[in-house]
C-alpha atoms as a PDB file:
ATOM      1  CA  MET A   1       0.014   0.122  -0.044  1.00  0.00           C
ATOM      2  CA  PRO A   2       1.319   3.638  -1.023  1.00  0.00           C
ATOM      3  CA  ASN A   3       2.558   5.621   1.584  1.00  0.00           C
ATOM      4  CA  GLN A   4       1.215   8.895   1.496  1.00  0.00           C
ATOM      5  CA  TYR A   5       4.005  10.503   3.526  1.00  0.00           C
ATOM      6  CA  ASN A   6       6.754   9.288   2.115  1.00  0.00           C
ATOM      7  CA  GLU A   7       6.283   7.918  -1.425  1.00  0.00           C
ATOM      8  CA  ARG A   8       6.769  10.582  -4.073  1.00  0.00           C
ATOM      9  CA  TRP A   9       4.662  11.501  -6.634  1.00  0.00           C
ATOM     10  CA  GLU A  10       4.413  13.606  -9.986  1.00  0.00           C
ATOM     11  CA  GLY A  11       2.016  16.160  -9.432  1.00  0.00           C
ATOM     12  CA  PRO A  12       0.406  19.251 -11.465  1.00  0.00           C
ATOM     13  CA  ILE A  13       3.632  21.360 -11.439  1.00  0.00           C
ATOM     14  CA  ARG A  14       5.904  19.889 -13.913  1.00  0.00           C
ATOM     15  CA  GLY A  15       9.390  18.141 -12.416  1.00  0.00           C
ATOM     16  CA  LEU A  16       8.471  18.080  -8.934  1.00  0.00           C
ATOM     17  CA  ARG A  17       7.858  15.215  -6.710  1.00  0.00           C
ATOM     18  CA  LEU A  18       6.402  15.463  -3.665  1.00  0.00           C
ATOM     19  CA  PRO A  19       4.645  13.210  -1.396  1.00  0.00           C
ATOM     20  CA  LEU A  20       0.773  12.886  -1.935  1.00  0.00           C
ATOM     21  CA  VAL A  21      -0.100  14.913   1.073  1.00  0.00           C
ATOM     22  CA  ALA A  22       1.764  17.634   0.346  1.00  0.00           C
ATOM     23  CA  TRP A  23       0.723  17.754  -3.523  1.00  0.00           C
ATOM     24  CA  ASN A  24      -3.410  17.832  -1.490  1.00  0.00           C
ATOM     25  CA  SER A  25      -2.932  20.558   0.535  1.00  0.00           C
ATOM     26  CA  LEU A  26      -1.196  22.727  -2.120  1.00  0.00           C
ATOM     27  CA  HIS A  27      -3.614  21.930  -4.153  1.00  0.00           C
ATOM     28  CA  ASN A  28      -6.489  22.865  -1.413  1.00  0.00           C
ATOM     29  CA  GLU A  29      -4.514  26.024  -1.326  1.00  0.00           C
ATOM     30  CA  GLY A  30      -4.522  26.651  -4.729  1.00  0.00           C
ATOM     31  CA  ILE A  31      -1.065  26.348  -5.488  1.00  0.00           C
ATOM     32  CA  MET A  32      -1.008  24.845  -9.034  1.00  0.00           C
ATOM     33  CA  THR A  33       1.791  26.569 -10.377  1.00  0.00           C
ATOM     34  CA  ILE A  34       5.966  26.819 -10.014  1.00  0.00           C
ATOM     35  CA  VAL A  35       5.732  30.781  -9.561  1.00  0.00           C
ATOM     36  CA  GLN A  36       2.848  30.564  -6.891  1.00  0.00           C
ATOM     37  CA  LEU A  37       4.865  27.992  -5.074  1.00  0.00           C
ATOM     38  CA  THR A  38       7.854  29.820  -4.976  1.00  0.00           C
ATOM     39  CA  ALA A  39       6.201  32.576  -3.938  1.00  0.00           C
ATOM     40  CA  ALA A  40       4.435  30.809  -1.230  1.00  0.00           C
ATOM     41  CA  ALA A  41       7.838  29.283   0.017  1.00  0.00           C
ATOM     42  CA  ASP A  42       8.639  31.379   2.723  1.00  0.00           C
ATOM     43  CA  ARG A  43       5.596  30.516   4.055  1.00  0.00           C
ATOM     44  CA  LEU A  44       4.672  26.777   3.195  1.00  0.00           C
ATOM     45  CA  GLU A  45       4.793  25.471   7.339  1.00  0.00           C
ATOM     46  CA  ARG A  46       2.051  27.564   8.028  1.00  0.00           C
ATOM     47  CA  LEU A  47      -0.416  26.352   4.999  1.00  0.00           C
ATOM     48  CA  PRO A  48      -2.945  23.699   6.406  1.00  0.00           C
ATOM     49  CA  GLY A  49      -1.722  20.289   6.797  1.00  0.00           C
ATOM     50  CA  ILE A  50       2.049  21.175   5.682  1.00  0.00           C
ATOM     51  CA  GLY A  51       4.511  21.344   8.995  1.00  0.00           C
ATOM     52  CA  LEU A  52       7.396  21.493   9.215  1.00  0.00           C
ATOM     53  CA  ASN A  53       9.320  18.805   7.864  1.00  0.00           C
ATOM     54  CA  MET A  54       6.870  18.467   5.036  1.00  0.00           C
ATOM     55  CA  ALA A  55       7.822  22.350   4.231  1.00  0.00           C
ATOM     56  CA  ARG A  56      11.260  21.450   4.313  1.00  0.00           C
ATOM     57  CA  VAL A  57      10.691  18.399   1.738  1.00  0.00           C
ATOM     58  CA  ILE A  58       9.017  21.022  -0.281  1.00  0.00           C
ATOM     59  CA  ARG A  59      11.684  23.366  -0.359  1.00  0.00           C
ATOM     60  CA  GLU A  60      14.543  20.486  -0.902  1.00  0.00           C
ATOM     61  CA  GLU A  61      12.371  19.918  -4.029  1.00  0.00           C
ATOM     62  CA  LEU A  62      11.807  23.099  -5.621  1.00  0.00           C
ATOM     63  CA  ALA A  63      15.506  24.374  -5.145  1.00  0.00           C
ATOM     64  CA  ARG A  64      16.357  21.227  -7.027  1.00  0.00           C
ATOM     65  CA  VAL A  65      14.206  21.716  -9.966  1.00  0.00           C
ATOM     66  CA  SER A  66      15.044  25.418  -9.977  1.00  0.00           C
ATOM     67  CA  ALA A  67      18.540  24.300  -9.887  1.00  0.00           C
ATOM     68  CA  ALA A  68      18.193  21.707 -13.021  1.00  0.00           C
ATOM     69  CA  GLU A  69      16.710  25.064 -15.077  1.00  0.00           C
END
C-alpha cells in the first residue's frame, strides 16, 4: 500500500516529485504552478496540512527543480 507521506509523486507542477499529502495541501491552497509555489515558499509551514518537515521537503524539491532549469 502506498505511503502518502514518504512516496514521491508527479503532480501538476512539472518536474516536482512530492508526497501525495503535500500535493493535496498545495492543491487545497490553490498552488498549481511553480511561480505560485515559489511565492509561497517562505510560508509553507503555515499552510494547513504542511508542517515543518513537509515544508522542508517541498523547499528542497523546489530548489532541485530550480537548479535544473
